[in-house]
Amino acid sequence: EQSVANENQSFDHLIRHQTHITVSFDNLEERRKEEEHASSRRGGLRGVLDQLKKTVVVDMRELRSSLPFEIYLQGLEAVPVTIGVGDYVLSRDICVERKAIPDLIQSLASGRLYTQAEHMCSA
């Protein structure tokens, strides 16, 4: 049991680490122009945009809905992770909380939606 717990902890750590990886696009156009004139035998920027996968981080609890499958059908990679705030992470700056209408009404009435929005802004 301890080895399974350690493996789960390592897996969670890896997922958390990968959700914070960023790719710099500074001077991308300049680097593309340089690459056009560079030797094709050298590495570099060649195909960086093609290699980047369009990824959506999906909260594990959302896997019961059909939306993660729809994300997959659109050619995006859905990465399941337990997210503390929000249901979907689209980028470093965009987090989405998905609500059914009854839950939205109840969240508005109780003030929970405001609290969730505050947490999403500070995360």
Protein backbone atom coordinates (compact mmCIF):
# COMPACT_ATOMS: atom_id res chain seq x y z
CA GLU A 1 0.00 0.00 0.00
CA GLN A 2 2.83 2.41 0.78
CA SER A 3 4.39 1.95 -2.66
CA VAL A 4 1.04 2.70 -4.32
CA ALA A 5 0.66 5.81 -2.16
CA ASN A 6 4.20 6.92 -3.07
CA GLU A 7 3.49 6.34 -6.75
CA ASN A 8 0.27 8.35 -6.55
CA GLN A 9 2.08 11.17 -4.76
CA SER A 10 4.84 11.19 -7.38
CA PHE A 11 2.29 11.21 -10.19
CA ASP A 12 0.39 14.12 -8.61
CA HIS A 13 3.66 16.03 -8.17
CA LEU A 14 4.56 15.45 -11.83
CA ILE A 15 1.16 16.67 -13.00
CA ARG A 16 1.36 19.77 -10.81
CA HIS A 17 4.85 20.50 -12.14
CA GLN A 18 3.81 20.12 -15.77
CA THR A 19 0.84 22.47 -15.39
CA HIS A 20 3.27 25.31 -14.63
CA ILE A 21 5.59 24.79 -17.60
CA THR A 22 5.68 27.82 -19.87
CA VAL A 23 7.05 28.31 -23.35
CA SER A 24 8.50 31.66 -24.34
CA PHE A 25 7.28 33.18 -27.58
CA ASP A 26 9.41 36.31 -27.22
CA ASN A 27 10.87 37.42 -30.54
CA LEU A 28 9.19 34.51 -32.31
CA GLU A 29 8.98 36.29 -35.67
CA GLU A 30 12.63 37.30 -35.51
CA ARG A 31 13.63 33.75 -34.66
CA ARG A 32 11.56 32.43 -37.59
CA LYS A 33 13.33 34.79 -40.01
CA GLU A 34 16.71 33.74 -38.65
CA GLU A 35 15.74 30.11 -39.06
CA GLU A 36 14.80 30.61 -42.72
CA HIS A 37 18.38 31.65 -43.42
CA ALA A 38 20.00 29.12 -41.10
CA SER A 39 21.28 25.69 -41.99
CA SER A 40 18.62 23.00 -41.84
CA ARG A 41 21.17 20.73 -40.17
CA ARG A 42 21.00 22.79 -37.00
CA GLY A 43 18.24 22.42 -34.42
CA GLY A 44 16.43 25.39 -33.02
CA LEU A 45 13.00 26.81 -33.51
CA ARG A 46 12.12 24.60 -36.44
CA GLY A 47 8.58 23.42 -36.02
CA VAL A 48 8.19 24.67 -32.44
CA LEU A 49 4.60 25.74 -33.03
CA ASP A 50 3.82 22.41 -34.67
CA GLN A 51 5.30 20.57 -31.72
CA LEU A 52 3.28 22.49 -29.14
CA LYS A 53 0.11 20.67 -28.26
CA LYS A 54 -3.05 22.55 -27.55
CA THR A 55 -3.79 21.39 -24.04
CA VAL A 56 -6.70 21.86 -21.66
CA VAL A 57 -6.22 20.85 -18.03
CA VAL A 58 -9.42 19.17 -16.88
CA ASP A 59 -10.41 18.61 -13.26
CA MET A 60 -10.72 14.88 -12.54
CA ARG A 61 -14.30 15.36 -11.31
CA GLU A 62 -15.27 16.73 -14.74
CA LEU A 63 -14.42 13.43 -16.44
CA ARG A 64 -17.99 12.28 -15.71
CA SER A 65 -19.32 14.91 -18.12
CA SER A 66 -19.14 14.75 -21.91
CA LEU A 67 -17.13 17.98 -22.27
CA PRO A 68 -13.65 16.41 -21.92
CA PHE A 69 -14.51 14.02 -24.76
CA GLU A 70 -15.73 16.95 -26.87
CA ILE A 71 -12.42 18.69 -26.14
CA TYR A 72 -10.61 15.60 -27.40
CA LEU A 73 -12.77 15.48 -30.54
CA GLN A 74 -11.73 19.06 -31.32
CA GLY A 75 -8.09 17.96 -31.46
CA LEU A 76 -7.09 19.26 -28.05
CA GLU A 77 -5.26 17.24 -25.44
CA ALA A 78 -7.29 16.93 -22.22
CA VAL A 79 -4.99 16.44 -19.23
CA PRO A 80 -6.86 15.14 -16.17
CA VAL A 81 -5.67 16.70 -12.91
CA THR A 82 -7.28 17.38 -9.56
CA ILE A 83 -7.63 21.17 -9.66
CA GLY A 84 -8.20 23.09 -6.45
CA VAL A 85 -9.89 26.01 -8.20
CA GLY A 86 -12.01 25.85 -11.36
CA ASP A 87 -12.90 22.98 -13.64
CA TYR A 88 -10.83 23.72 -16.74
CA VAL A 89 -7.53 25.54 -17.17
CA LEU A 90 -7.03 26.91 -20.67
CA SER A 91 -3.86 28.93 -20.05
CA ARG A 92 -1.86 30.49 -17.24
CA ASP A 93 -4.43 33.29 -17.11
CA ILE A 94 -7.70 31.55 -18.00
CA CYS A 95 -9.57 29.22 -15.65
CA VAL A 96 -13.17 28.12 -16.21
CA GLU A 97 -15.75 27.07 -13.61
CA ARG A 98 -18.49 25.12 -15.39
CA LYS A 99 -21.95 25.24 -13.82
CA ALA A 100 -25.28 23.61 -14.52
CA ILE A 101 -28.15 26.12 -14.35
CA PRO A 102 -29.53 24.87 -10.98
CA ASP A 103 -26.04 24.97 -9.46
CA LEU A 104 -25.48 28.46 -10.88
CA ILE A 105 -28.71 29.73 -9.33
CA GLN A 106 -27.83 28.19 -5.96
CA SER A 107 -24.24 29.50 -6.14
CA LEU A 108 -25.51 33.02 -6.87
CA ALA A 109 -28.03 32.85 -4.03
CA SER A 110 -25.53 31.55 -1.48
CA GLY A 111 -22.65 33.80 -2.55
CA ARG A 112 -20.49 30.77 -3.32
CA LEU A 113 -19.99 31.90 -6.94
CA TYR A 114 -18.38 35.14 -5.77
CA THR A 115 -16.04 33.19 -3.46
CA GLN A 116 -15.12 30.79 -6.28
CA ALA A 117 -14.40 33.73 -8.61
CA GLU A 118 -12.17 35.33 -5.96
CA HIS A 119 -10.24 32.06 -5.56
CA MET A 120 -9.83 31.73 -9.32
CA CYS A 121 -8.45 35.28 -9.55
CA SER A 122 -5.94 34.71 -6.75
CA ALA A 123 -4.78 31.22 -7.83
